[in-house]
Amino acid sequence: MVSKEEILEALKQVSDPEIGMDVVNLGLVYDVQINGDRVYIKMTMTAPTCPVTPWILAEAQKVVENIPGVEAADIELVWDPPWNPEMMSDYARDALHM
């Protein structure tokens, strides 16, 4: 069975093209649940008006479904809690000079 760490590592391949940082280090991934060969991911965007939201969600689903042992990935886009820069990893803050 796939692990949460494997899922998060795969999601680091998905970057917000406007910011140039991956969705994990940006703090956009709120929850990962694994049920057999199905993965459920709860995530958000930096802003509700993010123009690349559909692309980011599709990429996230694609990279997770490419992991051996994952049959399907369901991505839920949520807005609560609202994202803020304090949700970013130390790595992202340093890389973005924040």
N, C-alpha and C. Protein backbone atom coordinates (compact mmCIF):
# COMPACT_ATOMS: atom_id res chain seq x y z
N MET A 1 0.85 -1.19 0.00
CA MET A 1 0.00 0.00 0.00
C MET A 1 0.88 1.24 0.00
N VAL A 2 0.45 2.25 -0.69
CA VAL A 2 1.17 3.51 -0.79
C VAL A 2 1.11 4.26 0.55
N SER A 3 2.14 5.07 0.82
CA SER A 3 2.17 5.82 2.08
C SER A 3 1.88 7.30 1.83
N LYS A 4 1.51 7.98 2.90
CA LYS A 4 1.26 9.43 2.83
C LYS A 4 2.52 10.15 2.37
N GLU A 5 3.68 9.70 2.83
CA GLU A 5 4.94 10.33 2.45
C GLU A 5 5.17 10.21 0.94
N GLU A 6 4.82 9.06 0.36
CA GLU A 6 4.97 8.88 -1.09
C GLU A 6 4.03 9.83 -1.85
N ILE A 7 2.84 9.99 -1.33
CA ILE A 7 1.87 10.89 -1.96
C ILE A 7 2.40 12.32 -1.93
N LEU A 8 2.86 12.76 -0.77
CA LEU A 8 3.37 14.13 -0.64
C LEU A 8 4.61 14.34 -1.51
N GLU A 9 5.46 13.35 -1.59
CA GLU A 9 6.65 13.47 -2.43
C GLU A 9 6.25 13.62 -3.90
N ALA A 10 5.25 12.86 -4.34
CA ALA A 10 4.77 12.98 -5.72
C ALA A 10 4.16 14.35 -5.97
N LEU A 11 3.43 14.86 -4.99
CA LEU A 11 2.79 16.17 -5.15
C LEU A 11 3.80 17.31 -5.22
N LYS A 12 5.02 17.07 -4.78
CA LYS A 12 6.06 18.10 -4.90
C LYS A 12 6.45 18.33 -6.36
N GLN A 13 6.00 17.46 -7.25
CA GLN A 13 6.22 17.66 -8.69
C GLN A 13 5.27 18.69 -9.28
N VAL A 14 4.24 19.05 -8.53
CA VAL A 14 3.22 19.98 -9.01
C VAL A 14 3.51 21.37 -8.43
N SER A 15 3.84 22.29 -9.31
CA SER A 15 4.17 23.64 -8.86
C SER A 15 3.11 24.63 -9.32
N ASP A 16 2.92 25.65 -8.52
CA ASP A 16 2.08 26.78 -8.93
C ASP A 16 2.95 27.59 -9.89
N PRO A 17 2.59 27.64 -11.18
CA PRO A 17 3.44 28.31 -12.16
C PRO A 17 3.57 29.81 -11.92
N GLU A 18 2.62 30.41 -11.25
CA GLU A 18 2.70 31.85 -10.98
C GLU A 18 3.70 32.16 -9.87
N ILE A 19 3.86 31.22 -8.95
CA ILE A 19 4.75 31.44 -7.80
C ILE A 19 6.08 30.71 -7.99
N GLY A 20 6.04 29.59 -8.70
CA GLY A 20 7.25 28.82 -8.92
C GLY A 20 7.64 27.95 -7.75
N MET A 21 6.65 27.49 -6.99
CA MET A 21 6.90 26.65 -5.82
C MET A 21 5.88 25.53 -5.84
N ASP A 22 6.28 24.37 -5.33
CA ASP A 22 5.38 23.22 -5.34
C ASP A 22 4.25 23.36 -4.31
N VAL A 23 3.17 22.64 -4.55
CA VAL A 23 1.96 22.77 -3.74
C VAL A 23 2.15 22.28 -2.31
N VAL A 24 3.08 21.35 -2.09
CA VAL A 24 3.33 20.86 -0.73
C VAL A 24 4.03 21.93 0.09
N ASN A 25 5.12 22.48 -0.43
CA ASN A 25 5.86 23.50 0.31
C ASN A 25 5.09 24.81 0.43
N LEU A 26 4.17 25.05 -0.50
CA LEU A 26 3.31 26.22 -0.36
C LEU A 26 2.27 26.05 0.74
N GLY A 27 2.08 24.82 1.19
CA GLY A 27 1.09 24.57 2.23
C GLY A 27 -0.32 24.43 1.69
N LEU A 28 -0.44 24.07 0.42
CA LEU A 28 -1.77 23.96 -0.20
C LEU A 28 -2.43 22.61 0.04
N VAL A 29 -1.67 21.62 0.47
CA VAL A 29 -2.22 20.29 0.72
C VAL A 29 -2.60 20.21 2.20
N TYR A 30 -3.90 20.10 2.46
CA TYR A 30 -4.40 20.09 3.83
C TYR A 30 -4.52 18.69 4.43
N ASP A 31 -4.83 17.69 3.58
CA ASP A 31 -5.06 16.35 4.12
C ASP A 31 -4.84 15.33 3.03
N VAL A 32 -4.30 14.17 3.42
CA VAL A 32 -4.14 13.03 2.53
C VAL A 32 -4.67 11.81 3.27
N GLN A 33 -5.61 11.11 2.67
CA GLN A 33 -6.14 9.89 3.25
C GLN A 33 -6.02 8.77 2.21
N ILE A 34 -5.66 7.60 2.68
CA ILE A 34 -5.46 6.46 1.80
C ILE A 34 -6.42 5.35 2.23
N ASN A 35 -7.17 4.85 1.26
CA ASN A 35 -8.09 3.75 1.53
C ASN A 35 -7.83 2.68 0.46
N GLY A 36 -6.94 1.75 0.79
CA GLY A 36 -6.58 0.72 -0.19
C GLY A 36 -5.83 1.35 -1.35
N ASP A 37 -6.39 1.23 -2.56
CA ASP A 37 -5.74 1.79 -3.73
C ASP A 37 -6.32 3.14 -4.15
N ARG A 38 -7.13 3.73 -3.28
CA ARG A 38 -7.73 5.04 -3.54
C ARG A 38 -7.13 6.07 -2.59
N VAL A 39 -6.87 7.26 -3.13
CA VAL A 39 -6.28 8.34 -2.35
C VAL A 39 -7.22 9.54 -2.40
N TYR A 40 -7.45 10.13 -1.25
CA TYR A 40 -8.28 11.33 -1.13
C TYR A 40 -7.38 12.46 -0.66
N ILE A 41 -7.40 13.56 -1.39
CA ILE A 41 -6.56 14.72 -1.06
C ILE A 41 -7.44 15.94 -0.93
N LYS A 42 -7.28 16.63 0.19
CA LYS A 42 -7.97 17.90 0.40
C LYS A 42 -6.91 18.99 0.25
N MET A 43 -7.16 19.92 -0.68
CA MET A 43 -6.20 20.99 -0.90
C MET A 43 -6.89 22.28 -1.25
N THR A 44 -6.12 23.35 -1.26
CA THR A 44 -6.64 24.66 -1.55
C THR A 44 -5.73 25.35 -2.54
N MET A 45 -6.03 26.57 -2.85
CA MET A 45 -5.19 27.42 -3.70
C MET A 45 -4.84 28.68 -2.90
N THR A 46 -3.88 29.43 -3.41
CA THR A 46 -3.48 30.64 -2.70
C THR A 46 -4.58 31.70 -2.74
N ALA A 47 -5.45 31.63 -3.74
CA ALA A 47 -6.56 32.59 -3.85
C ALA A 47 -7.70 31.94 -4.62
N PRO A 48 -8.95 32.25 -4.25
CA PRO A 48 -10.09 31.67 -4.97
C PRO A 48 -10.11 32.02 -6.46
N THR A 49 -9.47 33.11 -6.84
CA THR A 49 -9.47 33.53 -8.24
C THR A 49 -8.24 33.03 -9.01
N CYS A 50 -7.50 32.10 -8.44
CA CYS A 50 -6.29 31.58 -9.08
C CYS A 50 -6.64 31.05 -10.47
N PRO A 51 -6.07 31.63 -11.53
CA PRO A 51 -6.45 31.21 -12.88
C PRO A 51 -5.94 29.83 -13.29
N VAL A 52 -4.98 29.28 -12.56
CA VAL A 52 -4.42 27.98 -12.93
C VAL A 52 -4.96 26.84 -12.06
N THR A 53 -6.01 27.11 -11.30
CA THR A 53 -6.58 26.08 -10.43
C THR A 53 -6.90 24.78 -11.16
N PRO A 54 -7.61 24.82 -12.28
CA PRO A 54 -7.93 23.54 -12.96
C PRO A 54 -6.67 22.78 -13.37
N TRP A 55 -5.66 23.47 -13.82
CA TRP A 55 -4.41 22.83 -14.23
C TRP A 55 -3.71 22.19 -13.03
N ILE A 56 -3.61 22.91 -11.92
CA ILE A 56 -2.95 22.39 -10.72
C ILE A 56 -3.67 21.15 -10.22
N LEU A 57 -5.00 21.19 -10.16
CA LEU A 57 -5.77 20.04 -9.68
C LEU A 57 -5.58 18.83 -10.60
N ALA A 58 -5.58 19.07 -11.90
CA ALA A 58 -5.40 17.97 -12.86
C ALA A 58 -3.99 17.37 -12.74
N GLU A 59 -3.00 18.22 -12.57
CA GLU A 59 -1.62 17.73 -12.41
C GLU A 59 -1.47 16.93 -11.11
N ALA A 60 -2.08 17.43 -10.05
CA ALA A 60 -2.02 16.71 -8.77
C ALA A 60 -2.63 15.32 -8.91
N GLN A 61 -3.78 15.25 -9.54
CA GLN A 61 -4.43 13.95 -9.74
C GLN A 61 -3.56 13.04 -10.59
N LYS A 62 -2.98 13.58 -11.65
CA LYS A 62 -2.16 12.78 -12.56
C LYS A 62 -0.92 12.21 -11.86
N VAL A 63 -0.19 13.04 -11.11
CA VAL A 63 1.04 12.53 -10.49
C VAL A 63 0.73 11.49 -9.41
N VAL A 64 -0.37 11.67 -8.70
CA VAL A 64 -0.72 10.70 -7.67
C VAL A 64 -1.20 9.39 -8.31
N GLU A 65 -1.98 9.48 -9.35
CA GLU A 65 -2.46 8.26 -10.02
C GLU A 65 -1.34 7.53 -10.75
N ASN A 66 -0.20 8.17 -10.97
CA ASN A 66 0.94 7.51 -11.59
C ASN A 66 1.79 6.74 -10.58
N ILE A 67 1.48 6.85 -9.30
CA ILE A 67 2.22 6.11 -8.28
C ILE A 67 1.76 4.65 -8.32
N PRO A 68 2.71 3.70 -8.39
CA PRO A 68 2.31 2.29 -8.36
C PRO A 68 1.48 1.98 -7.11
N GLY A 69 0.37 1.29 -7.32
CA GLY A 69 -0.50 0.92 -6.21
C GLY A 69 -1.67 1.87 -6.02
N VAL A 70 -1.68 2.99 -6.75
CA VAL A 70 -2.80 3.94 -6.65
C VAL A 70 -3.69 3.75 -7.87
N GLU A 71 -4.94 3.39 -7.61
CA GLU A 71 -5.91 3.20 -8.69
C GLU A 71 -6.57 4.53 -9.06
N ALA A 72 -6.89 5.33 -8.03
CA ALA A 72 -7.59 6.59 -8.29
C ALA A 72 -7.25 7.60 -7.19
N ALA A 73 -7.22 8.87 -7.61
CA ALA A 73 -7.01 9.96 -6.66
C ALA A 73 -8.17 10.94 -6.79
N ASP A 74 -8.80 11.21 -5.68
CA ASP A 74 -9.89 12.18 -5.63
C ASP A 74 -9.37 13.43 -4.95
N ILE A 75 -9.44 14.55 -5.64
CA ILE A 75 -8.94 15.82 -5.12
C ILE A 75 -10.14 16.70 -4.79
N GLU A 76 -10.21 17.13 -3.54
CA GLU A 76 -11.27 18.05 -3.13
C GLU A 76 -10.65 19.43 -2.92
N LEU A 77 -11.18 20.42 -3.62
CA LEU A 77 -10.74 21.80 -3.46
C LEU A 77 -11.56 22.45 -2.36
N VAL A 78 -10.88 22.97 -1.35
CA VAL A 78 -11.56 23.59 -0.22
C VAL A 78 -11.02 25.00 -0.01
N TRP A 79 -11.80 25.81 0.68
CA TRP A 79 -11.40 27.19 0.96
C TRP A 79 -11.35 27.47 2.45
N ASP A 80 -11.60 26.44 3.25
CA ASP A 80 -11.60 26.61 4.70
C ASP A 80 -10.68 25.58 5.32
N PRO A 81 -9.65 25.97 6.00
CA PRO A 81 -9.30 27.35 6.31
C PRO A 81 -8.67 28.05 5.10
N PRO A 82 -8.84 29.35 5.05
CA PRO A 82 -8.24 30.10 3.95
C PRO A 82 -6.71 30.00 4.02
N TRP A 83 -6.08 29.86 2.87
CA TRP A 83 -4.63 29.79 2.82
C TRP A 83 -4.03 31.14 3.19
N ASN A 84 -2.89 31.09 3.86
CA ASN A 84 -2.12 32.31 4.11
C ASN A 84 -0.64 31.95 4.07
N PRO A 85 0.24 32.93 3.86
CA PRO A 85 1.66 32.64 3.69
C PRO A 85 2.30 31.91 4.88
N GLU A 86 1.72 31.99 6.04
CA GLU A 86 2.29 31.30 7.20
C GLU A 86 2.16 29.78 7.08
N MET A 87 1.36 29.30 6.14
CA MET A 87 1.19 27.86 5.92
C MET A 87 2.34 27.27 5.10
N MET A 88 3.19 28.13 4.53
CA MET A 88 4.31 27.66 3.73
C MET A 88 5.38 27.04 4.62
N SER A 89 6.13 26.12 4.04
CA SER A 89 7.26 25.52 4.75
C SER A 89 8.38 26.56 4.89
N ASP A 90 9.30 26.28 5.79
CA ASP A 90 10.47 27.16 5.93
C ASP A 90 11.24 27.23 4.62
N TYR A 91 11.32 26.10 3.94
CA TYR A 91 12.00 26.05 2.65
C TYR A 91 11.37 27.04 1.66
N ALA A 92 10.04 27.04 1.56
CA ALA A 92 9.35 27.93 0.63
C ALA A 92 9.55 29.39 1.03
N ARG A 93 9.44 29.68 2.31
CA ARG A 93 9.65 31.07 2.75
C ARG A 93 11.05 31.55 2.42
N ASP A 94 12.05 30.70 2.64
CA ASP A 94 13.44 31.07 2.32
C ASP A 94 13.61 31.25 0.82
N ALA A 95 13.09 30.31 0.03
CA ALA A 95 13.23 30.37 -1.42
C ALA A 95 12.53 31.58 -2.01
N LEU A 96 11.43 31.98 -1.41
CA LEU A 96 10.66 33.13 -1.92
C LEU A 96 11.02 34.42 -1.19
N HIS A 97 12.05 34.37 -0.37
CA HIS A 97 12.55 35.54 0.38
C HIS A 97 11.47 36.21 1.22
N MET A 98 10.79 35.38 2.01
CA MET A 98 9.71 35.91 2.86
C MET A 98 10.12 35.81 4.31
